[in-house]
Amino acid sequence: MAYVAMRSPISNPYERFKNAVEKKRASMCAAHTTYFNPWETIHEANPQEILERHEKVALVPMLIMQGELDDNVLPEMQEKFAETYREAGGSCDYQVFEGSPHQWTAEEGPQTDRAREMVKAFIARQLKA
């Protein structure tokens, strides 16, 4: 991949799991324990932890768009990932969408339009680089 543009990516699946446990979201907890089998892989395959372990990885330019009111993938989790990514030497544009929940782009409106334009501009910059 030459670049990545994402909305609310699961940059730390272990922290997301702990959040699901705290919020008593049984189906989300079950999805985690089904997907990460054996359980230790939740740490092995964890993007945040990979960066913290200083593993050698490709650090392509990245755009992360995050809803301010997202209670599924928490904004502070995303902010920490963006900071860690930059500290590792990667380029990461992190944008918070005020008043937006987890899947704000599923509905038409000004924030969705802004996200589309942001992705187009990000891709255009990558193609010119």
N, C-alpha and C. Protein backbone atom coordinates (compact mmCIF):
# COMPACT_ATOMS: atom_id res chain seq x y z
N MET A 1 0.84 -1.18 0.00
CA MET A 1 0.00 0.00 0.00
C MET A 1 0.89 1.24 0.00
N ALA A 2 0.48 2.22 -0.73
CA ALA A 2 1.23 3.47 -0.80
C ALA A 2 0.73 4.47 0.25
N TYR A 3 -0.52 4.34 0.67
CA TYR A 3 -1.12 5.24 1.66
C TYR A 3 -2.40 4.59 2.17
N VAL A 4 -2.94 5.13 3.29
CA VAL A 4 -4.16 4.58 3.88
C VAL A 4 -5.02 5.73 4.38
N ALA A 5 -6.32 5.69 4.06
CA ALA A 5 -7.29 6.64 4.59
C ALA A 5 -8.38 5.83 5.29
N MET A 6 -8.65 6.17 6.56
CA MET A 6 -9.58 5.36 7.35
C MET A 6 -10.51 6.23 8.20
N ARG A 7 -11.67 5.63 8.50
CA ARG A 7 -12.60 6.22 9.45
C ARG A 7 -12.67 5.30 10.65
N SER A 8 -12.33 5.81 11.81
CA SER A 8 -12.40 5.08 13.07
C SER A 8 -11.77 3.68 13.01
N PRO A 9 -10.52 3.59 12.59
CA PRO A 9 -9.89 2.27 12.51
C PRO A 9 -9.67 1.67 13.90
N ILE A 10 -9.60 0.36 13.95
CA ILE A 10 -9.35 -0.32 15.23
C ILE A 10 -7.83 -0.38 15.39
N SER A 11 -7.28 0.72 15.88
CA SER A 11 -5.83 0.85 16.02
C SER A 11 -5.30 0.17 17.28
N ASN A 12 -6.20 -0.17 18.19
CA ASN A 12 -5.80 -0.88 19.40
C ASN A 12 -6.94 -1.83 19.80
N PRO A 13 -6.95 -3.04 19.22
CA PRO A 13 -8.06 -3.94 19.50
C PRO A 13 -8.20 -4.34 20.97
N TYR A 14 -7.10 -4.39 21.70
CA TYR A 14 -7.20 -4.75 23.12
C TYR A 14 -7.93 -3.66 23.91
N GLU A 15 -7.59 -2.39 23.68
CA GLU A 15 -8.27 -1.30 24.36
C GLU A 15 -9.73 -1.23 23.94
N ARG A 16 -10.00 -1.52 22.67
CA ARG A 16 -11.39 -1.54 22.20
C ARG A 16 -12.16 -2.64 22.92
N PHE A 17 -11.54 -3.80 23.10
CA PHE A 17 -12.17 -4.89 23.83
C PHE A 17 -12.48 -4.47 25.27
N LYS A 18 -11.51 -3.86 25.94
CA LYS A 18 -11.74 -3.41 27.32
C LYS A 18 -12.88 -2.40 27.38
N ASN A 19 -12.99 -1.54 26.39
CA ASN A 19 -14.07 -0.58 26.31
C ASN A 19 -15.41 -1.30 26.15
N ALA A 20 -15.43 -2.34 25.31
CA ALA A 20 -16.66 -3.12 25.12
C ALA A 20 -17.08 -3.83 26.41
N VAL A 21 -16.11 -4.35 27.14
CA VAL A 21 -16.40 -5.00 28.43
C VAL A 21 -17.00 -3.97 29.39
N GLU A 22 -16.36 -2.82 29.47
CA GLU A 22 -16.84 -1.76 30.38
C GLU A 22 -18.25 -1.33 30.05
N LYS A 23 -18.57 -1.26 28.76
CA LYS A 23 -19.90 -0.82 28.33
C LYS A 23 -20.89 -1.97 28.22
N LYS A 24 -20.46 -3.17 28.61
CA LYS A 24 -21.31 -4.37 28.62
C LYS A 24 -21.90 -4.66 27.24
N ARG A 25 -21.04 -4.62 26.22
CA ARG A 25 -21.45 -4.91 24.84
C ARG A 25 -21.06 -6.35 24.52
N ALA A 26 -21.96 -7.26 24.87
CA ALA A 26 -21.69 -8.70 24.78
C ALA A 26 -21.32 -9.14 23.37
N SER A 27 -22.05 -8.67 22.37
CA SER A 27 -21.76 -9.13 21.00
C SER A 27 -20.38 -8.65 20.53
N MET A 28 -19.99 -7.46 20.91
CA MET A 28 -18.67 -6.96 20.54
C MET A 28 -17.58 -7.74 21.27
N CYS A 29 -17.81 -8.05 22.53
CA CYS A 29 -16.84 -8.86 23.29
C CYS A 29 -16.70 -10.23 22.65
N ALA A 30 -17.82 -10.84 22.28
CA ALA A 30 -17.79 -12.16 21.65
C ALA A 30 -17.06 -12.10 20.32
N ALA A 31 -17.25 -11.06 19.56
CA ALA A 31 -16.57 -10.93 18.27
C ALA A 31 -15.06 -10.88 18.47
N HIS A 32 -14.61 -10.17 19.49
CA HIS A 32 -13.18 -10.10 19.78
C HIS A 32 -12.62 -11.48 20.14
N THR A 33 -13.31 -12.17 21.03
CA THR A 33 -12.78 -13.47 21.48
C THR A 33 -12.86 -14.52 20.37
N THR A 34 -13.77 -14.37 19.44
CA THR A 34 -13.84 -15.27 18.30
C THR A 34 -12.72 -14.97 17.31
N TYR A 35 -12.53 -13.71 17.00
CA TYR A 35 -11.54 -13.30 16.00
C TYR A 35 -10.11 -13.54 16.51
N PHE A 36 -9.84 -13.15 17.72
CA PHE A 36 -8.49 -13.29 18.28
C PHE A 36 -8.39 -14.63 19.00
N ASN A 37 -8.10 -15.66 18.21
CA ASN A 37 -8.03 -17.02 18.74
C ASN A 37 -6.80 -17.70 18.16
N PRO A 38 -5.79 -17.93 18.96
CA PRO A 38 -5.78 -17.80 20.41
C PRO A 38 -5.75 -16.33 20.87
N TRP A 39 -6.19 -16.12 22.09
CA TRP A 39 -6.38 -14.78 22.63
C TRP A 39 -5.13 -13.92 22.56
N GLU A 40 -3.95 -14.50 22.71
CA GLU A 40 -2.69 -13.73 22.72
C GLU A 40 -2.49 -12.96 21.42
N THR A 41 -3.13 -13.40 20.35
CA THR A 41 -2.95 -12.69 19.08
C THR A 41 -3.53 -11.28 19.12
N ILE A 42 -4.37 -10.98 20.10
CA ILE A 42 -4.89 -9.61 20.22
C ILE A 42 -3.74 -8.64 20.52
N HIS A 43 -2.68 -9.14 21.10
CA HIS A 43 -1.50 -8.31 21.36
C HIS A 43 -0.50 -8.41 20.20
N GLU A 44 -0.34 -9.60 19.68
CA GLU A 44 0.60 -9.81 18.57
C GLU A 44 0.22 -8.98 17.34
N ALA A 45 -1.08 -8.89 17.05
CA ALA A 45 -1.57 -8.21 15.86
C ALA A 45 -2.09 -6.80 16.14
N ASN A 46 -1.73 -6.24 17.27
CA ASN A 46 -2.25 -4.95 17.71
C ASN A 46 -1.39 -3.81 17.14
N PRO A 47 -1.94 -2.99 16.23
CA PRO A 47 -1.14 -1.92 15.62
C PRO A 47 -0.46 -0.99 16.64
N GLN A 48 -1.18 -0.61 17.69
CA GLN A 48 -0.59 0.27 18.70
C GLN A 48 0.59 -0.41 19.37
N GLU A 49 0.41 -1.65 19.76
CA GLU A 49 1.47 -2.38 20.44
C GLU A 49 2.64 -2.69 19.51
N ILE A 50 2.37 -2.93 18.25
CA ILE A 50 3.45 -3.16 17.27
C ILE A 50 4.35 -1.94 17.22
N LEU A 51 3.75 -0.76 17.17
CA LEU A 51 4.55 0.47 17.16
C LEU A 51 5.31 0.65 18.47
N GLU A 52 4.65 0.36 19.58
CA GLU A 52 5.30 0.51 20.89
C GLU A 52 6.46 -0.48 21.06
N ARG A 53 6.38 -1.62 20.39
CA ARG A 53 7.47 -2.60 20.45
C ARG A 53 8.60 -2.25 19.47
N HIS A 54 8.39 -1.19 18.71
CA HIS A 54 9.37 -0.73 17.71
C HIS A 54 9.67 -1.80 16.67
N GLU A 55 8.62 -2.53 16.28
CA GLU A 55 8.80 -3.51 15.22
C GLU A 55 9.04 -2.79 13.90
N LYS A 56 9.78 -3.41 13.02
CA LYS A 56 10.05 -2.82 11.72
C LYS A 56 8.80 -3.02 10.84
N VAL A 57 8.15 -1.93 10.53
CA VAL A 57 6.94 -1.97 9.70
C VAL A 57 6.99 -0.83 8.70
N ALA A 58 6.28 -0.98 7.60
CA ALA A 58 6.14 0.09 6.63
C ALA A 58 5.24 1.17 7.22
N LEU A 59 5.69 2.41 7.17
CA LEU A 59 4.93 3.52 7.72
C LEU A 59 4.45 4.41 6.58
N VAL A 60 3.40 3.97 5.91
CA VAL A 60 2.87 4.73 4.78
C VAL A 60 2.09 5.93 5.30
N PRO A 61 1.96 6.99 4.48
CA PRO A 61 1.14 8.12 4.90
C PRO A 61 -0.28 7.66 5.24
N MET A 62 -0.82 8.24 6.29
CA MET A 62 -2.09 7.77 6.82
C MET A 62 -3.01 8.95 7.14
N LEU A 63 -4.29 8.76 6.87
CA LEU A 63 -5.33 9.71 7.28
C LEU A 63 -6.28 8.95 8.18
N ILE A 64 -6.49 9.47 9.38
CA ILE A 64 -7.46 8.90 10.31
C ILE A 64 -8.52 9.96 10.58
N MET A 65 -9.78 9.59 10.31
CA MET A 65 -10.91 10.47 10.59
C MET A 65 -11.69 9.83 11.73
N GLN A 66 -11.94 10.60 12.77
CA GLN A 66 -12.51 10.06 14.01
C GLN A 66 -13.68 10.89 14.48
N GLY A 67 -14.79 10.25 14.81
CA GLY A 67 -15.93 10.95 15.38
C GLY A 67 -15.66 11.32 16.83
N GLU A 68 -15.93 12.56 17.15
CA GLU A 68 -15.71 13.06 18.52
C GLU A 68 -16.52 12.28 19.55
N LEU A 69 -17.73 11.86 19.19
CA LEU A 69 -18.63 11.19 20.13
C LEU A 69 -18.58 9.67 20.00
N ASP A 70 -17.61 9.15 19.28
CA ASP A 70 -17.49 7.71 19.08
C ASP A 70 -17.25 7.02 20.43
N ASP A 71 -18.14 6.12 20.80
CA ASP A 71 -17.94 5.39 22.05
C ASP A 71 -17.60 3.92 21.78
N ASN A 72 -17.29 3.62 20.52
CA ASN A 72 -16.87 2.29 20.10
C ASN A 72 -15.35 2.24 19.97
N VAL A 73 -14.81 3.11 19.15
CA VAL A 73 -13.36 3.32 19.04
C VAL A 73 -13.13 4.73 19.59
N LEU A 74 -12.61 4.81 20.78
CA LEU A 74 -12.54 6.09 21.50
C LEU A 74 -11.53 7.05 20.86
N PRO A 75 -11.90 8.33 20.77
CA PRO A 75 -10.99 9.32 20.19
C PRO A 75 -9.61 9.36 20.85
N GLU A 76 -9.55 9.20 22.18
CA GLU A 76 -8.24 9.25 22.83
C GLU A 76 -7.36 8.07 22.41
N MET A 77 -7.98 6.94 22.09
CA MET A 77 -7.25 5.78 21.59
C MET A 77 -6.63 6.11 20.23
N GLN A 78 -7.41 6.75 19.39
CA GLN A 78 -6.96 7.13 18.06
C GLN A 78 -5.86 8.19 18.12
N GLU A 79 -6.04 9.16 19.00
CA GLU A 79 -5.05 10.22 19.14
C GLU A 79 -3.70 9.64 19.58
N LYS A 80 -3.74 8.71 20.52
CA LYS A 80 -2.50 8.07 20.97
C LYS A 80 -1.84 7.32 19.82
N PHE A 81 -2.63 6.61 19.03
CA PHE A 81 -2.07 5.88 17.89
C PHE A 81 -1.41 6.84 16.91
N ALA A 82 -2.10 7.93 16.58
CA ALA A 82 -1.54 8.90 15.63
C ALA A 82 -0.22 9.46 16.15
N GLU A 83 -0.16 9.78 17.43
CA GLU A 83 1.08 10.29 18.02
C GLU A 83 2.19 9.25 17.96
N THR A 84 1.87 7.99 18.29
CA THR A 84 2.86 6.93 18.27
C THR A 84 3.34 6.67 16.84
N TYR A 85 2.44 6.75 15.89
CA TYR A 85 2.79 6.56 14.48
C TYR A 85 3.78 7.63 14.03
N ARG A 86 3.50 8.87 14.40
CA ARG A 86 4.40 9.98 14.05
C ARG A 86 5.76 9.81 14.73
N GLU A 87 5.74 9.42 16.00
CA GLU A 87 6.99 9.21 16.74
C GLU A 87 7.83 8.11 16.09
N ALA A 88 7.18 7.14 15.47
CA ALA A 88 7.89 6.04 14.80
C ALA A 88 8.43 6.48 13.44
N GLY A 89 8.08 7.70 13.01
CA GLY A 89 8.59 8.22 11.74
C GLY A 89 7.57 8.29 10.63
N GLY A 90 6.33 7.91 10.91
CA GLY A 90 5.29 7.94 9.89
C GLY A 90 4.57 9.28 9.83
N SER A 91 3.90 9.51 8.72
CA SER A 91 3.09 10.70 8.52
C SER A 91 1.63 10.32 8.78
N CYS A 92 0.99 11.00 9.72
CA CYS A 92 -0.40 10.67 10.06
C CYS A 92 -1.20 11.94 10.26
N ASP A 93 -2.19 12.14 9.37
CA ASP A 93 -3.14 13.23 9.54
C ASP A 93 -4.29 12.69 10.38
N TYR A 94 -4.52 13.30 11.54
CA TYR A 94 -5.58 12.86 12.44
C TYR A 94 -6.62 13.97 12.52
N GLN A 95 -7.85 13.66 12.13
CA GLN A 95 -8.91 14.66 12.11
C GLN A 95 -10.10 14.19 12.94
N VAL A 96 -10.53 15.03 13.85
CA VAL A 96 -11.70 14.73 14.68
C VAL A 96 -12.90 15.47 14.10
N PHE A 97 -14.02 14.75 13.98
CA PHE A 97 -15.25 15.33 13.46
C PHE A 97 -16.17 15.63 14.63
N GLU A 98 -16.30 16.92 14.95
CA GLU A 98 -17.09 17.35 16.10
C GLU A 98 -18.53 16.87 16.02
N GLY A 99 -19.04 16.45 17.18
CA GLY A 99 -20.44 16.05 17.28
C GLY A 99 -20.79 14.77 16.53
N SER A 100 -19.78 14.03 16.08
CA SER A 100 -20.03 12.84 15.26
C SER A 100 -19.83 11.54 16.04
N PRO A 101 -20.78 10.59 15.88
CA PRO A 101 -20.64 9.28 16.53
C PRO A 101 -19.74 8.35 15.71
N HIS A 102 -19.77 7.07 16.02
CA HIS A 102 -18.89 6.10 15.38
C HIS A 102 -19.06 6.03 13.86
N GLN A 103 -20.28 5.92 13.38
CA GLN A 103 -20.49 5.74 11.95
C GLN A 103 -21.15 6.95 11.30
N TRP A 104 -20.62 8.12 11.57
CA TRP A 104 -21.25 9.33 11.04
C TRP A 104 -21.28 9.34 9.52
N THR A 105 -20.35 8.69 8.85
CA THR A 105 -20.33 8.72 7.39
C THR A 105 -21.42 7.85 6.77
N ALA A 106 -22.16 7.09 7.57
CA ALA A 106 -23.25 6.26 7.06
C ALA A 106 -24.47 7.11 6.69
N GLU A 107 -24.48 8.34 7.14
CA GLU A 107 -25.61 9.24 6.85
C GLU A 107 -25.11 10.45 6.08
N GLU A 108 -25.91 10.87 5.11
CA GLU A 108 -25.57 12.07 4.34
C GLU A 108 -25.63 13.29 5.25
N GLY A 109 -24.77 14.24 4.99
CA GLY A 109 -24.76 15.47 5.76
C GLY A 109 -23.42 16.18 5.63
N PRO A 110 -23.29 17.33 6.28
CA PRO A 110 -22.08 18.14 6.16
C PRO A 110 -20.80 17.42 6.60
N GLN A 111 -20.90 16.61 7.66
CA GLN A 111 -19.69 15.92 8.14
C GLN A 111 -19.27 14.82 7.15
N THR A 112 -20.24 14.15 6.57
CA THR A 112 -19.93 13.13 5.56
C THR A 112 -19.32 13.79 4.33
N ASP A 113 -19.90 14.91 3.92
CA ASP A 113 -19.34 15.64 2.78
C ASP A 113 -17.90 16.08 3.08
N ARG A 114 -17.68 16.57 4.29
CA ARG A 114 -16.33 16.99 4.69
C ARG A 114 -15.36 15.81 4.65
N ALA A 115 -15.81 14.65 5.13
CA ALA A 115 -14.95 13.46 5.12
C ALA A 115 -14.60 13.06 3.69
N ARG A 116 -15.58 13.07 2.80
CA ARG A 116 -15.31 12.72 1.39
C ARG A 116 -14.28 13.66 0.79
N GLU A 117 -14.46 14.95 1.01
CA GLU A 117 -13.53 15.93 0.46
C GLU A 117 -12.14 15.77 1.06
N MET A 118 -12.07 15.44 2.35
CA MET A 118 -10.80 15.24 3.02
C MET A 118 -10.06 14.04 2.42
N VAL A 119 -10.79 12.96 2.16
CA VAL A 119 -10.18 11.77 1.57
C VAL A 119 -9.69 12.08 0.15
N LYS A 120 -10.50 12.77 -0.63
CA LYS A 120 -10.09 13.13 -1.99
C LYS A 120 -8.82 13.96 -1.98
N ALA A 121 -8.76 14.95 -1.10
CA ALA A 121 -7.58 15.82 -1.01
C ALA A 121 -6.36 15.03 -0.54
N PHE A 122 -6.56 14.12 0.42
CA PHE A 122 -5.45 13.30 0.92
C PHE A 122 -4.90 12.43 -0.21
N ILE A 123 -5.78 11.77 -0.95
CA ILE A 123 -5.34 10.91 -2.05
C ILE A 123 -4.63 11.74 -3.12
N ALA A 124 -5.16 12.90 -3.44
CA ALA A 124 -4.53 13.76 -4.44
C ALA A 124 -3.12 14.14 -4.01
N ARG A 125 -2.92 14.46 -2.73
CA ARG A 125 -1.57 14.79 -2.24
C ARG A 125 -0.63 13.60 -2.35
N GLN A 126 -1.16 12.41 -2.09
CA GLN A 126 -0.30 11.21 -2.17
C GLN A 126 0.09 10.92 -3.62
N LEU A 127 -0.82 11.14 -4.54
CA LEU A 127 -0.53 10.88 -5.95
C LEU A 127 0.47 11.88 -6.52
N LYS A 128 0.50 13.07 -5.96
CA LYS A 128 1.46 14.10 -6.40
C LYS A 128 2.84 13.90 -5.78
N ALA A 129 2.90 13.17 -4.67
CA ALA A 129 4.17 13.01 -3.95
C ALA A 129 5.14 12.10 -4.69
